[in-house]
Amino acid sequence: MDKCYYKDFIEDERQFYLHEAGFDSREEQLFRLRTYEGKTLWEASEIMGYGSRTMDRINQKMKKKILKAAPMYYRGVSSKYN
């Protein structure tokens, strides 16, 4: 369904976004499924029990929050989250 770029995040990036992006519980669950387990959006929707339209909305909100937090991310700065 889609390519998962999230699995390319290094651990400090994952921790940074989990703490700084302001995810709600559904976004955080999706982020964890995509980054730590490498699940596709389709696989994540089955695990989370949401339809494709709902999952697409959650994913779009999550992406916006990541992009908003991204300018604050500098390698090494988020090491306090490790």
Protein backbone atom coordinates (compact mmCIF):
# COMPACT_ATOMS: atom_id res chain seq x y z
CA MET A 1 0.00 0.00 0.00
CA ASP A 2 2.78 2.45 0.88
CA LYS A 3 6.49 2.55 1.53
CA CYS A 4 7.47 2.85 5.18
CA TYR A 5 10.13 5.55 5.58
CA TYR A 6 9.71 5.53 9.33
CA LYS A 7 11.76 2.36 9.75
CA ASP A 8 14.80 4.38 8.60
CA PHE A 9 14.65 6.56 11.72
CA ILE A 10 17.48 5.93 14.16
CA GLU A 11 16.54 5.30 17.78
CA ASP A 12 17.15 8.85 19.01
CA GLU A 13 14.90 10.19 16.22
CA ARG A 14 12.16 7.77 17.26
CA GLN A 15 12.44 8.84 20.89
CA PHE A 16 12.55 12.51 19.94
CA TYR A 17 9.34 12.30 17.90
CA LEU A 18 7.57 10.21 20.54
CA HIS A 19 8.29 12.91 23.13
CA GLU A 20 8.20 16.11 21.09
CA ALA A 21 5.68 15.67 18.26
CA GLY A 22 2.64 15.71 20.52
CA PHE A 23 1.05 12.51 19.23
CA ASP A 24 -2.32 11.44 20.56
CA SER A 25 -2.67 7.77 21.58
CA ARG A 26 -3.70 6.55 18.12
CA GLU A 27 -0.87 8.43 16.41
CA GLU A 28 1.63 7.10 18.91
CA GLN A 29 0.45 3.53 18.39
CA LEU A 30 0.69 3.95 14.61
CA PHE A 31 4.14 5.55 14.91
CA ARG A 32 5.38 2.64 17.02
CA LEU A 33 3.96 0.08 14.58
CA ARG A 34 5.56 1.85 11.62
CA THR A 35 8.96 2.64 13.16
CA TYR A 36 9.68 -0.28 15.45
CA GLU A 37 7.88 -3.07 13.63
CA GLY A 38 8.05 -1.79 10.05
CA LYS A 39 4.34 -2.36 9.46
CA THR A 40 2.64 -0.97 6.38
CA LEU A 41 -0.35 1.30 6.78
CA TRP A 42 -2.60 -1.60 5.77
CA GLU A 43 -1.06 -3.95 8.34
CA ALA A 44 -1.29 -1.28 11.03
CA SER A 45 -4.96 -0.65 10.23
CA GLU A 46 -5.71 -4.34 10.74
CA ILE A 47 -3.82 -4.43 14.04
CA MET A 48 -5.44 -1.23 15.31
CA GLY A 49 -8.90 -2.15 14.04
CA TYR A 50 -9.56 0.94 11.92
CA GLY A 51 -10.72 1.28 8.35
CA SER A 52 -8.47 2.59 5.63
CA ARG A 53 -9.97 6.10 5.58
CA THR A 54 -9.62 6.52 9.34
CA MET A 55 -6.09 5.18 9.22
CA ASP A 56 -5.19 7.55 6.41
CA ARG A 57 -6.44 10.50 8.50
CA ILE A 58 -4.42 9.34 11.53
CA ASN A 59 -1.35 8.92 9.33
CA GLN A 60 -1.72 12.39 7.79
CA LYS A 61 -2.04 14.02 11.23
CA MET A 62 0.98 12.08 12.45
CA LYS A 63 3.06 13.16 9.43
CA LYS A 64 2.15 16.81 9.98
CA LYS A 65 3.24 16.60 13.61
CA ILE A 66 6.53 14.96 12.61
CA LEU A 67 7.20 17.67 10.03
CA LYS A 68 6.35 20.38 12.55
CA ALA A 69 8.74 18.88 15.13
CA ALA A 70 11.45 18.10 12.55
CA PRO A 71 13.08 21.58 12.50
CA MET A 72 13.69 21.18 16.23
CA TYR A 73 15.54 17.90 15.70
CA TYR A 74 19.33 17.94 15.63
CA ARG A 75 21.38 14.76 15.88
CA GLY A 76 22.55 14.30 19.44
CA VAL A 77 20.18 16.86 20.96
CA SER A 78 17.57 14.21 21.63
CA SER A 79 20.04 11.84 23.28
CA LYS A 80 18.40 12.59 26.62
CA TYR A 81 15.50 10.36 25.48
CA ASN A 82 17.64 7.24 25.05
